[in-house]
Amino acid sequence: MVEAIAQLGGVVAQSDPEEEKLNDMRLTAIKKAKIIGTAVPGETLKIKARVEGRMGSLIQVSGSVSVGDNCIAKAIVMLSGS
């Protein structure tokens, strides 16, 4: 679930038309990750990600994963690129 937040965060960061696109983007850090619940096969996961900040090639993303109205994971991740 944390990887899904990071991947969506990368898509969000790369789709900002006002920012230069980064090459070779990678997950470089996981901060404040909490797994609060579980999902079972067949359930639909709703993944949200928001770019919280940028400093050069570093991007901080906060995100969550929900099943229905229940949040089952939260994390802040750092992405980097060149």
C-alpha atoms as a PDB file:
ATOM      1  CA  MET A   1       0.000   0.000   0.000  1.00  0.00           C
ATOM      2  CA  VAL A   2       2.884   2.361   0.733  1.00  0.00           C
ATOM      3  CA  GLU A   3       4.363   1.535  -2.677  1.00  0.00           C
ATOM      4  CA  ALA A   4       1.009   2.407  -4.287  1.00  0.00           C
ATOM      5  CA  ILE A   5       1.075   5.815  -2.555  1.00  0.00           C
ATOM      6  CA  ALA A   6       4.618   6.377  -3.848  1.00  0.00           C
ATOM      7  CA  GLN A   7       3.733   5.383  -7.404  1.00  0.00           C
ATOM      8  CA  LEU A   8       0.654   7.602  -7.510  1.00  0.00           C
ATOM      9  CA  GLY A   9       2.693  10.426  -5.953  1.00  0.00           C
ATOM     10  CA  GLY A  10       5.210  10.088  -8.778  1.00  0.00           C
ATOM     11  CA  VAL A  11       2.444  10.349 -11.362  1.00  0.00           C
ATOM     12  CA  VAL A  12       1.000  13.412  -9.618  1.00  0.00           C
ATOM     13  CA  ALA A  13       4.428  15.066  -9.374  1.00  0.00           C
ATOM     14  CA  GLN A  14       5.235  14.398 -13.031  1.00  0.00           C
ATOM     15  CA  SER A  15       1.894  15.733 -14.260  1.00  0.00           C
ATOM     16  CA  ASP A  16       2.347  19.273 -12.867  1.00  0.00           C
ATOM     17  CA  PRO A  17       2.788  21.425 -16.003  1.00  0.00           C
ATOM     18  CA  GLU A  18       4.602  24.137 -14.029  1.00  0.00           C
ATOM     19  CA  GLU A  19       7.388  21.806 -12.842  1.00  0.00           C
ATOM     20  CA  GLU A  20      10.184  20.240 -14.861  1.00  0.00           C
ATOM     21  CA  LYS A  21       9.798  16.482 -15.278  1.00  0.00           C
ATOM     22  CA  LEU A  22      12.377  14.318 -13.502  1.00  0.00           C
ATOM     23  CA  ASN A  23      14.043  11.249 -14.956  1.00  0.00           C
ATOM     24  CA  ASP A  24      14.586   7.965 -13.145  1.00  0.00           C
ATOM     25  CA  MET A  25      12.254   8.789 -10.237  1.00  0.00           C
ATOM     26  CA  ARG A  26      12.709   6.560  -7.170  1.00  0.00           C
ATOM     27  CA  LEU A  27      11.235   6.037  -3.739  1.00  0.00           C
ATOM     28  CA  THR A  28      13.988   7.220  -1.398  1.00  0.00           C
ATOM     29  CA  ALA A  29      12.357   7.398   2.034  1.00  0.00           C
ATOM     30  CA  ILE A  30       9.235   6.379   3.922  1.00  0.00           C
ATOM     31  CA  LYS A  31       8.189   8.523   6.881  1.00  0.00           C
ATOM     32  CA  LYS A  32       5.265   8.188   9.269  1.00  0.00           C
ATOM     33  CA  ALA A  33       3.806   5.095   7.609  1.00  0.00           C
ATOM     34  CA  LYS A  34       0.820   3.589   9.413  1.00  0.00           C
ATOM     35  CA  ILE A  35      -0.997   0.438   8.375  1.00  0.00           C
ATOM     36  CA  ILE A  36      -4.367   0.793  10.091  1.00  0.00           C
ATOM     37  CA  GLY A  37      -6.399  -1.985   8.488  1.00  0.00           C
ATOM     38  CA  THR A  38      -6.503  -4.627   5.804  1.00  0.00           C
ATOM     39  CA  ALA A  39      -8.047  -5.283   2.428  1.00  0.00           C
ATOM     40  CA  VAL A  40      -9.195  -8.611   1.049  1.00  0.00           C
ATOM     41  CA  PRO A  41      -9.155  -9.783  -2.578  1.00  0.00           C
ATOM     42  CA  GLY A  42     -11.966  -8.212  -4.560  1.00  0.00           C
ATOM     43  CA  GLU A  43     -12.160  -4.990  -2.558  1.00  0.00           C
ATOM     44  CA  THR A  44     -11.558  -1.710  -4.359  1.00  0.00           C
ATOM     45  CA  LEU A  45      -8.782   0.441  -2.941  1.00  0.00           C
ATOM     46  CA  LYS A  46      -9.027   4.228  -3.204  1.00  0.00           C
ATOM     47  CA  ILE A  47      -5.523   5.719  -3.267  1.00  0.00           C
ATOM     48  CA  LYS A  48      -4.906   9.429  -2.711  1.00  0.00           C
ATOM     49  CA  ALA A  49      -1.588  11.261  -3.046  1.00  0.00           C
ATOM     50  CA  ARG A  50      -0.683  14.922  -2.739  1.00  0.00           C
ATOM     51  CA  VAL A  51       2.641  16.630  -3.355  1.00  0.00           C
ATOM     52  CA  GLU A  52       3.456  18.454  -0.124  1.00  0.00           C
ATOM     53  CA  GLY A  53       6.723  20.025  -1.172  1.00  0.00           C
ATOM     54  CA  ARG A  54       9.645  20.106  -3.572  1.00  0.00           C
ATOM     55  CA  MET A  55      13.278  20.944  -3.094  1.00  0.00           C
ATOM     56  CA  GLY A  56      15.304  20.477  -6.252  1.00  0.00           C
ATOM     57  CA  SER A  57      14.966  16.854  -7.260  1.00  0.00           C
ATOM     58  CA  LEU A  58      13.366  15.793  -3.941  1.00  0.00           C
ATOM     59  CA  ILE A  59       9.594  15.546  -3.697  1.00  0.00           C
ATOM     60  CA  GLN A  60       7.590  14.917  -0.518  1.00  0.00           C
ATOM     61  CA  VAL A  61       4.230  13.199  -0.983  1.00  0.00           C
ATOM     62  CA  SER A  62       1.541  12.422   1.576  1.00  0.00           C
ATOM     63  CA  GLY A  63      -1.035   9.813   0.810  1.00  0.00           C
ATOM     64  CA  SER A  64      -3.631   7.373   2.021  1.00  0.00           C
ATOM     65  CA  VAL A  65      -5.335   4.148   1.015  1.00  0.00           C
ATOM     66  CA  SER A  66      -8.999   3.525   1.818  1.00  0.00           C
ATOM     67  CA  VAL A  67     -11.532   0.757   1.404  1.00  0.00           C
ATOM     68  CA  GLY A  68     -14.918   2.427   1.229  1.00  0.00           C
ATOM     69  CA  ASP A  69     -14.880   5.102   3.938  1.00  0.00           C
ATOM     70  CA  ASN A  70     -12.251   3.282   6.049  1.00  0.00           C
ATOM     71  CA  CYS A  71      -8.663   4.513   5.836  1.00  0.00           C
ATOM     72  CA  ILE A  72      -6.407   1.457   6.005  1.00  0.00           C
ATOM     73  CA  ALA A  73      -2.983   3.070   5.419  1.00  0.00           C
ATOM     74  CA  LYS A  74      -1.259   6.468   5.524  1.00  0.00           C
ATOM     75  CA  ALA A  75       2.283   7.477   4.689  1.00  0.00           C
ATOM     76  CA  ILE A  76       4.587  10.338   3.837  1.00  0.00           C
ATOM     77  CA  VAL A  77       7.126   9.340   1.215  1.00  0.00           C
ATOM     78  CA  MET A  78      10.097  11.040  -0.391  1.00  0.00           C
ATOM     79  CA  LEU A  79      10.779  10.628  -4.087  1.00  0.00           C
ATOM     80  CA  SER A  80      13.881  11.712  -5.970  1.00  0.00           C
ATOM     81  CA  GLY A  81      14.879  11.945  -9.585  1.00  0.00           C
ATOM     82  CA  SER A  82      17.498  13.380 -11.826  1.00  0.00           C
END
